[in-house]
Structure formats: structure tokens, C-alpha cells
Amino acid sequence: MADIRQRARPVKFFFTMNMQSRSGNPTHQVIGEVRDIYTLDEMVSLMQDQDFVIVEEFYKKPEGGYYSQGETILNTMHIGKVRAGT
């Protein structure tokens, strides 16, 4: 399994947060990668054990792709939905 993880590409997760965004929307979405987490099952286990999760947050580029905004801490009590992307 360790060999598979070494070759695995990081997974971008799409977090829907149940908290107000800066623009005043009642929810907002965070795109992020979590170190050593590759599946939704692993994400569920992490969220059950932790009140906070450190993610590398990404923003979408207008021309396509993503760019890093650095690390952000998310409060798992405000995460309403998580979807695995690519």
C-alpha cells in the first residue's frame, strides 16, 4: 500500500462549508488537498477524529487549472459536504 501512495496523485477535495462567505453567501466552497488523504473513506476517518483539518487551498485559474493559496485550517464542524475531484 505504501508503494501505491508514493505514486498516487494528490486528490483535490471540494468542501462545502456551512458558514458565511466574505461576499455574504450563506455557504462557500473550498478546494483543497489534504496531506496523506487519497479517498473519501480516509477523509471521513480524519474528520471523525479531528476538529480541524489543514488543507492546501487552491483557486481556479481563469484559463483552467488551479493555483495554490497556501495552507488553511478548516473547522470540521462547519463542513457540510465533501466531494472528491481530480
C-alpha atoms as a PDB file:
ATOM      1  CA  MET A   1       0.000   0.000   0.000  1.00  0.00           C
ATOM      2  CA  ALA A   2       2.864   2.414   0.755  1.00  0.00           C
ATOM      3  CA  ASP A   3       4.134   1.961  -2.813  1.00  0.00           C
ATOM      4  CA  ILE A   4       0.708   2.880  -4.213  1.00  0.00           C
ATOM      5  CA  ARG A   5       0.590   6.030  -2.067  1.00  0.00           C
ATOM      6  CA  GLN A   6       4.029   7.122  -3.247  1.00  0.00           C
ATOM      7  CA  ARG A   7       2.819   7.012  -6.840  1.00  0.00           C
ATOM      8  CA  ALA A   8      -0.669   8.414  -6.188  1.00  0.00           C
ATOM      9  CA  ARG A   9      -1.562  11.896  -7.325  1.00  0.00           C
ATOM     10  CA  PRO A  10      -2.947  14.162  -4.618  1.00  0.00           C
ATOM     11  CA  VAL A  11      -6.730  14.389  -4.641  1.00  0.00           C
ATOM     12  CA  LYS A  12      -8.433  17.763  -4.668  1.00  0.00           C
ATOM     13  CA  PHE A  13     -11.443  17.760  -2.389  1.00  0.00           C
ATOM     14  CA  PHE A  14     -14.320  20.209  -2.765  1.00  0.00           C
ATOM     15  CA  PHE A  15     -15.526  21.240   0.707  1.00  0.00           C
ATOM     16  CA  THR A  16     -18.913  22.922   1.072  1.00  0.00           C
ATOM     17  CA  MET A  17     -18.732  24.980   4.232  1.00  0.00           C
ATOM     18  CA  ASN A  18     -21.868  25.808   6.244  1.00  0.00           C
ATOM     19  CA  MET A  19     -20.691  29.274   7.157  1.00  0.00           C
ATOM     20  CA  GLN A  20     -20.982  32.684   5.580  1.00  0.00           C
ATOM     21  CA  SER A  21     -18.513  33.640   2.868  1.00  0.00           C
ATOM     22  CA  ARG A  22     -16.779  37.011   2.590  1.00  0.00           C
ATOM     23  CA  SER A  23     -19.255  38.038  -0.090  1.00  0.00           C
ATOM     24  CA  GLY A  24     -22.221  37.305   2.205  1.00  0.00           C
ATOM     25  CA  ASN A  25     -23.344  33.974   0.726  1.00  0.00           C
ATOM     26  CA  PRO A  26     -24.655  31.565   3.385  1.00  0.00           C
ATOM     27  CA  THR A  27     -22.219  28.829   2.245  1.00  0.00           C
ATOM     28  CA  HIS A  28     -18.999  28.706   0.311  1.00  0.00           C
ATOM     29  CA  GLN A  29     -16.767  26.124  -1.317  1.00  0.00           C
ATOM     30  CA  VAL A  30     -13.113  25.454  -0.597  1.00  0.00           C
ATOM     31  CA  ILE A  31     -10.954  23.421  -2.978  1.00  0.00           C
ATOM     32  CA  GLY A  32      -8.100  21.745  -1.161  1.00  0.00           C
ATOM     33  CA  GLU A  33      -5.698  18.846  -0.847  1.00  0.00           C
ATOM     34  CA  VAL A  34      -5.089  17.137   2.486  1.00  0.00           C
ATOM     35  CA  ARG A  35      -1.674  15.589   3.064  1.00  0.00           C
ATOM     36  CA  ASP A  36      -1.760  11.746   3.021  1.00  0.00           C
ATOM     37  CA  ILE A  37      -5.517  11.590   2.293  1.00  0.00           C
ATOM     38  CA  TYR A  38      -6.413   9.971  -1.037  1.00  0.00           C
ATOM     39  CA  THR A  39     -10.030   8.748  -0.697  1.00  0.00           C
ATOM     40  CA  LEU A  40     -13.363   9.860   0.721  1.00  0.00           C
ATOM     41  CA  ASP A  41     -13.190   6.997   3.239  1.00  0.00           C
ATOM     42  CA  GLU A  42      -9.886   8.347   4.542  1.00  0.00           C
ATOM     43  CA  MET A  43     -11.371  11.842   4.688  1.00  0.00           C
ATOM     44  CA  VAL A  44     -14.335  10.583   6.744  1.00  0.00           C
ATOM     45  CA  SER A  45     -11.979   8.899   9.215  1.00  0.00           C
ATOM     46  CA  LEU A  46      -9.881  12.045   9.520  1.00  0.00           C
ATOM     47  CA  MET A  47     -12.929  14.267  10.050  1.00  0.00           C
ATOM     48  CA  GLN A  48     -14.321  11.928  12.729  1.00  0.00           C
ATOM     49  CA  ASP A  49     -11.072  12.152  14.689  1.00  0.00           C
ATOM     50  CA  GLN A  50     -10.222  15.851  14.230  1.00  0.00           C
ATOM     51  CA  ASP A  51     -11.972  19.132  14.975  1.00  0.00           C
ATOM     52  CA  PHE A  52      -9.739  20.928  12.476  1.00  0.00           C
ATOM     53  CA  VAL A  53      -8.171  19.842   9.176  1.00  0.00           C
ATOM     54  CA  ILE A  54      -5.199  21.502   7.462  1.00  0.00           C
ATOM     55  CA  VAL A  55      -5.681  21.768   3.699  1.00  0.00           C
ATOM     56  CA  GLU A  56      -3.624  23.287   0.927  1.00  0.00           C
ATOM     57  CA  GLU A  57      -6.219  25.597  -0.591  1.00  0.00           C
ATOM     58  CA  PHE A  58      -6.466  26.091  -4.349  1.00  0.00           C
ATOM     59  CA  TYR A  59      -8.206  28.689  -6.502  1.00  0.00           C
ATOM     60  CA  LYS A  60      -9.253  28.069 -10.102  1.00  0.00           C
ATOM     61  CA  LYS A  61      -7.300  29.841 -12.825  1.00  0.00           C
ATOM     62  CA  PRO A  62      -9.438  31.646 -15.429  1.00  0.00           C
ATOM     63  CA  GLU A  63      -7.591  29.816 -18.212  1.00  0.00           C
ATOM     64  CA  GLY A  64      -8.045  26.430 -16.489  1.00  0.00           C
ATOM     65  CA  GLY A  65      -6.217  24.541 -13.778  1.00  0.00           C
ATOM     66  CA  TYR A  66      -5.541  25.641 -10.217  1.00  0.00           C
ATOM     67  CA  TYR A  67      -3.035  27.659  -8.214  1.00  0.00           C
ATOM     68  CA  SER A  68      -2.153  27.259  -4.541  1.00  0.00           C
ATOM     69  CA  GLN A  69      -3.163  29.794  -1.914  1.00  0.00           C
ATOM     70  CA  GLY A  70      -1.152  28.037   0.795  1.00  0.00           C
ATOM     71  CA  GLU A  71      -2.371  26.141   3.815  1.00  0.00           C
ATOM     72  CA  THR A  72      -5.703  26.829   5.509  1.00  0.00           C
ATOM     73  CA  ILE A  73      -7.310  25.318   8.590  1.00  0.00           C
ATOM     74  CA  LEU A  74     -10.937  24.159   8.217  1.00  0.00           C
ATOM     75  CA  ASN A  75     -13.229  23.539  11.187  1.00  0.00           C
ATOM     76  CA  THR A  76     -14.845  20.134  10.583  1.00  0.00           C
ATOM     77  CA  MET A  77     -17.975  21.252  12.466  1.00  0.00           C
ATOM     78  CA  HIS A  78     -18.718  23.635   9.553  1.00  0.00           C
ATOM     79  CA  ILE A  79     -18.085  21.183   6.710  1.00  0.00           C
ATOM     80  CA  GLY A  80     -21.436  20.217   5.221  1.00  0.00           C
ATOM     81  CA  LYS A  81     -20.302  18.186   2.224  1.00  0.00           C
ATOM     82  CA  VAL A  82     -17.063  16.860   0.747  1.00  0.00           C
ATOM     83  CA  ARG A  83     -16.651  15.719  -2.836  1.00  0.00           C
ATOM     84  CA  ALA A  84     -13.506  14.167  -4.295  1.00  0.00           C
ATOM     85  CA  GLY A  85     -12.345  15.730  -7.544  1.00  0.00           C
ATOM     86  CA  THR A  86      -9.272  15.370  -9.725  1.00  0.00           C
END
